[in-house]
């Protein structure tokens, strides 16, 4: 079964997360397929930009707790999006949770409709948003990030745009993205690649400095007793034992 569908229109390739049965969670298989699709786009001279979107009412529910990708595979995917010599644009019309917010932060431009909601739910299952911090911390408001990292609260597209997680938001995400995609189609491929390199240099410095430590942190937390309780409680649809 294909988990990533591909279409193209006027030099823009759309990659669609198409695993609605698990709310487009980041399974090992989905991460592998998305990595391959992005590699193909990078090599294709006819691709000017990539749109990353989704089927169903959830853009991405975060890590698939039944089939999680290795932490280093998720780091590699996030870095690939940041390093890709072509702009990657996220198009969101649904919910985004945990690891899915890392995908948004890795993209160069992220847009959402007003129906979208967001939450860093890691703390509620006994772990931390470790690996996804690599693109998030350099690109978002630290005070807002502290609140939502620590509480796991849901927040709106308007708040996501205010804190820098989204580039833009609107009632109709396609209408909102129309001038963005038009601008990318008018730009030269060389100029896009070099300009993106300027914009992502600081983010890549964070990857170089912190990726190993955050990968180790993620692995340690996911193997902990509290994480086992948190993930079991989530799958059983109950509160974990620490809720007071």
C-alpha atoms as a PDB file:
ATOM      1  CA  UNK A   1       0.000   0.000   0.000  1.00  0.00           C
ATOM      2  CA  UNK A   2       1.352   3.421  -0.961  1.00  0.00           C
ATOM      3  CA  UNK A   3       1.432   5.866   1.940  1.00  0.00           C
ATOM      4  CA  UNK A   4       2.607   8.892  -0.073  1.00  0.00           C
ATOM      5  CA  UNK A   5       0.742   9.892  -3.227  1.00  0.00           C
ATOM      6  CA  UNK A   6       2.290  12.204  -5.823  1.00  0.00           C
ATOM      7  CA  UNK A   7       0.806  14.666  -8.306  1.00  0.00           C
ATOM      8  CA  UNK A   8       2.294  17.538 -10.304  1.00  0.00           C
ATOM      9  CA  UNK A   9       0.905  20.784 -11.691  1.00  0.00           C
ATOM     10  CA  UNK A  10       2.986  23.502 -13.351  1.00  0.00           C
ATOM     11  CA  UNK A  11       6.315  22.365 -11.869  1.00  0.00           C
ATOM     12  CA  UNK A  12       4.950  21.979  -8.312  1.00  0.00           C
ATOM     13  CA  UNK A  13       4.869  18.403  -7.015  1.00  0.00           C
ATOM     14  CA  UNK A  14       2.353  17.643  -4.283  1.00  0.00           C
ATOM     15  CA  UNK A  15       3.236  14.863  -1.853  1.00  0.00           C
ATOM     16  CA  UNK A  16       0.191  13.727   0.099  1.00  0.00           C
ATOM     17  CA  UNK A  17       0.422  11.826   3.373  1.00  0.00           C
ATOM     18  CA  UNK A  18      -2.127   9.112   2.670  1.00  0.00           C
ATOM     19  CA  UNK A  19      -2.400   6.872   5.727  1.00  0.00           C
ATOM     20  CA  UNK A  20      -5.796   7.879   7.146  1.00  0.00           C
ATOM     21  CA  UNK A  21      -6.236   4.679   9.175  1.00  0.00           C
ATOM     22  CA  UNK A  22      -3.628   5.911  11.658  1.00  0.00           C
ATOM     23  CA  UNK A  23      -4.201   9.635  11.046  1.00  0.00           C
ATOM     24  CA  UNK A  24      -1.046   9.908   8.936  1.00  0.00           C
ATOM     25  CA  UNK A  25       1.118   9.022  11.922  1.00  0.00           C
ATOM     26  CA  UNK A  26       4.860   8.848  11.403  1.00  0.00           C
ATOM     27  CA  UNK A  27       5.326   5.113  11.060  1.00  0.00           C
ATOM     28  CA  UNK A  28       8.633   3.637   9.963  1.00  0.00           C
ATOM     29  CA  UNK A  29       7.061   2.902   6.563  1.00  0.00           C
ATOM     30  CA  UNK A  30       5.645   6.407   6.043  1.00  0.00           C
ATOM     31  CA  UNK A  31       8.923   8.070   7.006  1.00  0.00           C
ATOM     32  CA  UNK A  32      10.778   5.811   4.567  1.00  0.00           C
ATOM     33  CA  UNK A  33       8.355   6.526   1.704  1.00  0.00           C
ATOM     34  CA  UNK A  34       8.380  10.262   2.312  1.00  0.00           C
ATOM     35  CA  UNK A  35      12.179  10.254   2.380  1.00  0.00           C
ATOM     36  CA  UNK A  36      12.254   8.456  -0.977  1.00  0.00           C
ATOM     37  CA  UNK A  37       9.688  10.824  -2.502  1.00  0.00           C
ATOM     38  CA  UNK A  38      11.653  13.897  -1.421  1.00  0.00           C
ATOM     39  CA  UNK A  39      14.849  12.371  -2.811  1.00  0.00           C
ATOM     40  CA  UNK A  40      13.137  11.914  -6.171  1.00  0.00           C
ATOM     41  CA  UNK A  41      11.912  15.519  -6.141  1.00  0.00           C
ATOM     42  CA  UNK A  42      15.397  16.805  -5.370  1.00  0.00           C
ATOM     43  CA  UNK A  43      16.796  15.003  -8.424  1.00  0.00           C
ATOM     44  CA  UNK A  44      14.018  16.062 -10.817  1.00  0.00           C
ATOM     45  CA  UNK A  45      14.907  19.240 -12.711  1.00  0.00           C
ATOM     46  CA  UNK A  46      11.233  19.717 -13.616  1.00  0.00           C
ATOM     47  CA  UNK A  47      10.225  20.145  -9.971  1.00  0.00           C
ATOM     48  CA  UNK A  48      10.359  23.775  -8.864  1.00  0.00           C
ATOM     49  CA  UNK A  49       8.790  23.296  -5.413  1.00  0.00           C
ATOM     50  CA  UNK A  50       7.070  20.664  -3.267  1.00  0.00           C
ATOM     51  CA  UNK A  51       3.760  20.918  -1.444  1.00  0.00           C
ATOM     52  CA  UNK A  52       3.364  18.565   1.521  1.00  0.00           C
ATOM     53  CA  UNK A  53      -0.278  17.902   2.415  1.00  0.00           C
ATOM     54  CA  UNK A  54      -2.573  15.157   3.682  1.00  0.00           C
ATOM     55  CA  UNK A  55      -5.736  13.119   3.297  1.00  0.00           C
ATOM     56  CA  UNK A  56      -8.402  13.063   6.004  1.00  0.00           C
ATOM     57  CA  UNK A  57      -8.885  15.465   8.898  1.00  0.00           C
ATOM     58  CA  UNK A  58      -5.377  15.052  10.336  1.00  0.00           C
ATOM     59  CA  UNK A  59      -2.186  16.291   8.721  1.00  0.00           C
ATOM     60  CA  UNK A  60      -0.066  14.134  11.019  1.00  0.00           C
ATOM     61  CA  UNK A  61      -0.758  12.659  14.462  1.00  0.00           C
ATOM     62  CA  UNK A  62       2.921  12.386  15.401  1.00  0.00           C
ATOM     63  CA  UNK A  63       4.884   9.184  15.874  1.00  0.00           C
ATOM     64  CA  UNK A  64       3.058   5.922  15.266  1.00  0.00           C
ATOM     65  CA  UNK A  65       3.213   4.329  18.715  1.00  0.00           C
ATOM     66  CA  UNK A  66       2.704   0.847  17.244  1.00  0.00           C
ATOM     67  CA  UNK A  67       5.407   1.204  14.565  1.00  0.00           C
ATOM     68  CA  UNK A  68       7.588   4.204  15.410  1.00  0.00           C
ATOM     69  CA  UNK A  69      10.471   5.183  13.159  1.00  0.00           C
ATOM     70  CA  UNK A  70      13.958   5.058  14.650  1.00  0.00           C
ATOM     71  CA  UNK A  71      14.819   8.503  16.069  1.00  0.00           C
ATOM     72  CA  UNK A  72      17.721   8.870  13.638  1.00  0.00           C
ATOM     73  CA  UNK A  73      15.361   8.246  10.685  1.00  0.00           C
ATOM     74  CA  UNK A  74      13.107  11.092  11.808  1.00  0.00           C
ATOM     75  CA  UNK A  75      16.127  13.362  12.270  1.00  0.00           C
ATOM     76  CA  UNK A  76      17.267  12.484   8.747  1.00  0.00           C
ATOM     77  CA  UNK A  77      13.806  13.253   7.308  1.00  0.00           C
ATOM     78  CA  UNK A  78      13.587  16.639   9.031  1.00  0.00           C
ATOM     79  CA  UNK A  79      17.099  17.529   7.902  1.00  0.00           C
ATOM     80  CA  UNK A  80      16.309  16.403   4.362  1.00  0.00           C
ATOM     81  CA  UNK A  81      13.377  18.830   4.194  1.00  0.00           C
ATOM     82  CA  UNK A  82      15.534  21.668   5.520  1.00  0.00           C
ATOM     83  CA  UNK A  83      18.443  20.870   3.170  1.00  0.00           C
ATOM     84  CA  UNK A  84      16.419  20.107   0.042  1.00  0.00           C
ATOM     85  CA  UNK A  85      17.510  22.583  -2.666  1.00  0.00           C
ATOM     86  CA  UNK A  86      13.859  23.314  -3.477  1.00  0.00           C
ATOM     87  CA  UNK A  87      11.226  25.013  -1.315  1.00  0.00           C
ATOM     88  CA  UNK A  88       8.911  22.699   0.617  1.00  0.00           C
ATOM     89  CA  UNK A  89       5.492  24.143   1.438  1.00  0.00           C
ATOM     90  CA  UNK A  90       3.161  22.571   4.016  1.00  0.00           C
ATOM     91  CA  UNK A  91      -0.578  22.720   3.280  1.00  0.00           C
ATOM     92  CA  UNK A  92      -2.684  21.878   6.337  1.00  0.00           C
ATOM     93  CA  UNK A  93      -6.466  21.582   6.630  1.00  0.00           C
ATOM     94  CA  UNK A  94      -6.665  19.382   9.729  1.00  0.00           C
ATOM     95  CA  UNK A  95      -5.108  18.506  13.057  1.00  0.00           C
ATOM     96  CA  UNK A  96      -1.374  18.385  13.742  1.00  0.00           C
ATOM     97  CA  UNK A  97       0.099  16.725  16.785  1.00  0.00           C
ATOM     98  CA  UNK A  98       3.553  16.077  18.238  1.00  0.00           C
ATOM     99  CA  UNK A  99       5.974  14.934  15.508  1.00  0.00           C
ATOM    100  CA  UNK A 100       3.725  16.420  12.835  1.00  0.00           C
ATOM    101  CA  UNK A 101       4.685  19.859  14.102  1.00  0.00           C
ATOM    102  CA  UNK A 102       8.290  18.992  13.386  1.00  0.00           C
ATOM    103  CA  UNK A 103       7.368  18.474   9.750  1.00  0.00           C
ATOM    104  CA  UNK A 104       5.735  21.924   9.660  1.00  0.00           C
ATOM    105  CA  UNK A 105       8.756  23.587  11.217  1.00  0.00           C
ATOM    106  CA  UNK A 106      11.131  21.871   8.787  1.00  0.00           C
ATOM    107  CA  UNK A 107       9.180  23.189   5.789  1.00  0.00           C
ATOM    108  CA  UNK A 108      10.173  26.540   4.333  1.00  0.00           C
ATOM    109  CA  UNK A 109       6.609  27.833   4.227  1.00  0.00           C
ATOM    110  CA  UNK A 110       3.649  26.424   6.172  1.00  0.00           C
ATOM    111  CA  UNK A 111       0.008  27.384   5.663  1.00  0.00           C
ATOM    112  CA  UNK A 112      -3.165  26.161   7.351  1.00  0.00           C
ATOM    113  CA  UNK A 113      -6.895  26.710   7.237  1.00  0.00           C
ATOM    114  CA  UNK A 114      -8.826  27.887  10.264  1.00  0.00           C
ATOM    115  CA  UNK A 115     -10.017  24.324  10.911  1.00  0.00           C
ATOM    116  CA  UNK A 116      -6.487  23.209  11.793  1.00  0.00           C
ATOM    117  CA  UNK A 117      -5.515  22.627  15.416  1.00  0.00           C
ATOM    118  CA  UNK A 118      -2.096  21.993  16.919  1.00  0.00           C
ATOM    119  CA  UNK A 119      -0.662  20.428  20.082  1.00  0.00           C
ATOM    120  CA  UNK A 120       2.668  19.214  21.428  1.00  0.00           C
ATOM    121  CA  UNK A 121       1.222  16.136  23.152  1.00  0.00           C
ATOM    122  CA  UNK A 122       4.537  14.492  24.080  1.00  0.00           C
ATOM    123  CA  UNK A 123       4.416  15.508  27.752  1.00  0.00           C
ATOM    124  CA  UNK A 124       1.083  13.738  28.125  1.00  0.00           C
ATOM    125  CA  UNK A 125       2.582  10.356  27.248  1.00  0.00           C
ATOM    126  CA  UNK A 126       5.777  10.743  29.274  1.00  0.00           C
ATOM    127  CA  UNK A 127       8.254  11.936  26.651  1.00  0.00           C
ATOM    128  CA  UNK A 128       9.520  15.267  25.288  1.00  0.00           C
ATOM    129  CA  UNK A 129       9.484  16.970  21.865  1.00  0.00           C
ATOM    130  CA  UNK A 130      13.179  16.220  21.524  1.00  0.00           C
ATOM    131  CA  UNK A 131      14.023  15.505  17.879  1.00  0.00           C
ATOM    132  CA  UNK A 132      11.409  17.894  16.474  1.00  0.00           C
ATOM    133  CA  UNK A 133      13.037  20.702  18.454  1.00  0.00           C
ATOM    134  CA  UNK A 134      15.821  20.763  15.877  1.00  0.00           C
ATOM    135  CA  UNK A 135      13.761  22.825  13.377  1.00  0.00           C
ATOM    136  CA  UNK A 136      11.293  24.211  15.930  1.00  0.00           C
ATOM    137  CA  UNK A 137      13.558  26.017  18.386  1.00  0.00           C
ATOM    138  CA  UNK A 138      15.338  28.202  15.789  1.00  0.00           C
ATOM    139  CA  UNK A 139      12.087  29.219  14.071  1.00  0.00           C
ATOM    140  CA  UNK A 140       9.454  29.853  16.725  1.00  0.00           C
ATOM    141  CA  UNK A 141       8.738  32.209  19.607  1.00  0.00           C
ATOM    142  CA  UNK A 142      10.407  30.675  22.693  1.00  0.00           C
ATOM    143  CA  UNK A 143       7.855  31.961  25.208  1.00  0.00           C
ATOM    144  CA  UNK A 144       4.913  30.548  23.279  1.00  0.00           C
ATOM    145  CA  UNK A 145       6.797  27.328  22.666  1.00  0.00           C
ATOM    146  CA  UNK A 146       7.477  26.958  26.391  1.00  0.00           C
ATOM    147  CA  UNK A 147       3.772  27.120  27.187  1.00  0.00           C
ATOM    148  CA  UNK A 148       2.658  24.601  24.601  1.00  0.00           C
ATOM    149  CA  UNK A 149       5.620  22.243  25.081  1.00  0.00           C
ATOM    150  CA  UNK A 150       4.978  22.086  28.836  1.00  0.00           C
ATOM    151  CA  UNK A 151       1.174  21.866  28.885  1.00  0.00           C
ATOM    152  CA  UNK A 152       0.260  19.920  25.751  1.00  0.00           C
ATOM    153  CA  UNK A 153      -2.635  22.357  25.182  1.00  0.00           C
ATOM    154  CA  UNK A 154      -4.308  22.622  21.814  1.00  0.00           C
ATOM    155  CA  UNK A 155      -3.940  25.909  19.940  1.00  0.00           C
ATOM    156  CA  UNK A 156      -5.361  27.468  16.802  1.00  0.00           C
ATOM    157  CA  UNK A 157      -3.954  28.279  13.391  1.00  0.00           C
ATOM    158  CA  UNK A 158      -3.978  31.954  14.298  1.00  0.00           C
ATOM    159  CA  UNK A 159      -1.831  31.268  17.373  1.00  0.00           C
ATOM    160  CA  UNK A 160       0.430  28.957  15.346  1.00  0.00           C
ATOM    161  CA  UNK A 161       1.045  31.797  12.892  1.00  0.00           C
ATOM    162  CA  UNK A 162       1.685  34.291  15.686  1.00  0.00           C
ATOM    163  CA  UNK A 163       4.369  32.076  17.236  1.00  0.00           C
ATOM    164  CA  UNK A 164       6.085  31.393  13.906  1.00  0.00           C
ATOM    165  CA  UNK A 165       5.048  27.765  13.456  1.00  0.00           C
ATOM    166  CA  UNK A 166       2.948  28.760  10.440  1.00  0.00           C
ATOM    167  CA  UNK A 167       3.871  31.279   7.774  1.00  0.00           C
ATOM    168  CA  UNK A 168       0.238  32.108   7.065  1.00  0.00           C
ATOM    169  CA  UNK A 169      -3.318  30.964   7.766  1.00  0.00           C
ATOM    170  CA  UNK A 170      -6.714  31.696   6.300  1.00  0.00           C
ATOM    171  CA  UNK A 171     -10.252  30.506   5.742  1.00  0.00           C
ATOM    172  CA  UNK A 172      -9.306  28.820   2.452  1.00  0.00           C
ATOM    173  CA  UNK A 173      -5.779  27.426   2.522  1.00  0.00           C
ATOM    174  CA  UNK A 174      -5.565  27.081  -1.261  1.00  0.00           C
ATOM    175  CA  UNK A 175      -6.546  30.702  -1.732  1.00  0.00           C
ATOM    176  CA  UNK A 176      -3.970  31.646   0.885  1.00  0.00           C
ATOM    177  CA  UNK A 177      -1.248  29.643  -0.870  1.00  0.00           C
ATOM    178  CA  UNK A 178      -2.049  30.793  -4.429  1.00  0.00           C
ATOM    179  CA  UNK A 179       0.264  33.853  -4.403  1.00  0.00           C
ATOM    180  CA  UNK A 180       2.993  31.827  -2.667  1.00  0.00           C
ATOM    181  CA  UNK A 181       3.005  29.128  -5.349  1.00  0.00           C
ATOM    182  CA  UNK A 182       2.800  31.768  -8.074  1.00  0.00           C
ATOM    183  CA  UNK A 183       5.881  33.448  -6.636  1.00  0.00           C
ATOM    184  CA  UNK A 184       7.805  30.167  -6.510  1.00  0.00           C
ATOM    185  CA  UNK A 185       6.908  29.414 -10.130  1.00  0.00           C
ATOM    186  CA  UNK A 186       8.271  32.826 -11.156  1.00  0.00           C
ATOM    187  CA  UNK A 187      11.595  32.336  -9.348  1.00  0.00           C
ATOM    188  CA  UNK A 188      14.660  30.784 -10.966  1.00  0.00           C
ATOM    189  CA  UNK A 189      15.678  27.337  -9.668  1.00  0.00           C
ATOM    190  CA  UNK A 190      19.208  28.570  -8.933  1.00  0.00           C
ATOM    191  CA  UNK A 191      17.928  31.576  -7.013  1.00  0.00           C
ATOM    192  CA  UNK A 192      15.525  29.429  -4.986  1.00  0.00           C
ATOM    193  CA  UNK A 193      18.280  26.979  -4.008  1.00  0.00           C
ATOM    194  CA  UNK A 194      20.751  29.655  -2.966  1.00  0.00           C
ATOM    195  CA  UNK A 195      18.167  31.748  -1.144  1.00  0.00           C
ATOM    196  CA  UNK A 196      16.917  28.708   0.746  1.00  0.00           C
ATOM    197  CA  UNK A 197      20.502  27.931   1.776  1.00  0.00           C
ATOM    198  CA  UNK A 198      20.799  31.429   3.257  1.00  0.00           C
ATOM    199  CA  UNK A 199      17.564  31.015   5.184  1.00  0.00           C
ATOM    200  CA  UNK A 200      18.305  27.575   6.591  1.00  0.00           C
ATOM    201  CA  UNK A 201      21.935  28.003   7.631  1.00  0.00           C
ATOM    202  CA  UNK A 202      21.101  28.658  11.300  1.00  0.00           C
ATOM    203  CA  UNK A 203      18.656  25.745  11.418  1.00  0.00           C
ATOM    204  CA  UNK A 204      21.300  23.391  10.050  1.00  0.00           C
ATOM    205  CA  UNK A 205      23.756  24.632  12.685  1.00  0.00           C
ATOM    206  CA  UNK A 206      21.254  23.417  15.287  1.00  0.00           C
ATOM    207  CA  UNK A 207      21.132  19.999  13.618  1.00  0.00           C
ATOM    208  CA  UNK A 208      24.935  19.808  13.562  1.00  0.00           C
ATOM    209  CA  UNK A 209      25.218  20.793  17.214  1.00  0.00           C
ATOM    210  CA  UNK A 210      22.263  19.041  18.848  1.00  0.00           C
ATOM    211  CA  UNK A 211      21.024  16.128  16.721  1.00  0.00           C
ATOM    212  CA  UNK A 212      23.038  13.418  18.478  1.00  0.00           C
ATOM    213  CA  UNK A 213      22.061  14.568  21.970  1.00  0.00           C
ATOM    214  CA  UNK A 214      18.363  14.969  21.140  1.00  0.00           C
ATOM    215  CA  UNK A 215      18.252  11.599  19.391  1.00  0.00           C
ATOM    216  CA  UNK A 216      19.730   9.981  22.505  1.00  0.00           C
ATOM    217  CA  UNK A 217      17.236  11.835  24.709  1.00  0.00           C
ATOM    218  CA  UNK A 218      14.338  10.640  22.573  1.00  0.00           C
ATOM    219  CA  UNK A 219      15.500   7.032  22.704  1.00  0.00           C
ATOM    220  CA  UNK A 220      15.988   7.185  26.482  1.00  0.00           C
ATOM    221  CA  UNK A 221      12.564   8.684  27.142  1.00  0.00           C
ATOM    222  CA  UNK A 222      10.677   6.316  24.840  1.00  0.00           C
ATOM    223  CA  UNK A 223      12.204   3.339  26.665  1.00  0.00           C
ATOM    224  CA  UNK A 224      11.294   4.676  30.125  1.00  0.00           C
ATOM    225  CA  UNK A 225       8.649   3.324  32.498  1.00  0.00           C
ATOM    226  CA  UNK A 226       6.644   6.558  32.377  1.00  0.00           C
ATOM    227  CA  UNK A 227       6.579   6.475  28.572  1.00  0.00           C
ATOM    228  CA  UNK A 228       5.368   2.882  28.624  1.00  0.00           C
ATOM    229  CA  UNK A 229       2.571   3.893  30.978  1.00  0.00           C
ATOM    230  CA  UNK A 230       1.751   6.987  28.917  1.00  0.00           C
ATOM    231  CA  UNK A 231       1.607   5.114  25.618  1.00  0.00           C
ATOM    232  CA  UNK A 232      -0.412   2.274  27.132  1.00  0.00           C
ATOM    233  CA  UNK A 233      -2.876   4.757  28.601  1.00  0.00           C
ATOM    234  CA  UNK A 234      -3.161   6.523  25.250  1.00  0.00           C
ATOM    235  CA  UNK A 235      -3.879   3.286  23.399  1.00  0.00           C
ATOM    236  CA  UNK A 236      -6.372   2.233  26.096  1.00  0.00           C
ATOM    237  CA  UNK A 237      -8.041   5.658  25.996  1.00  0.00           C
ATOM    238  CA  UNK A 238      -7.553   6.376  29.699  1.00  0.00           C
ATOM    239  CA  UNK A 239      -5.605   8.862  31.801  1.00  0.00           C
ATOM    240  CA  UNK A 240      -2.059   7.816  32.725  1.00  0.00           C
ATOM    241  CA  UNK A 241      -1.419   7.139  36.385  1.00  0.00           C
ATOM    242  CA  UNK A 242       0.249  10.513  37.048  1.00  0.00           C
ATOM    243  CA  UNK A 243      -2.806  12.647  36.201  1.00  0.00           C
ATOM    244  CA  UNK A 244      -4.041  14.437  39.333  1.00  0.00           C
END
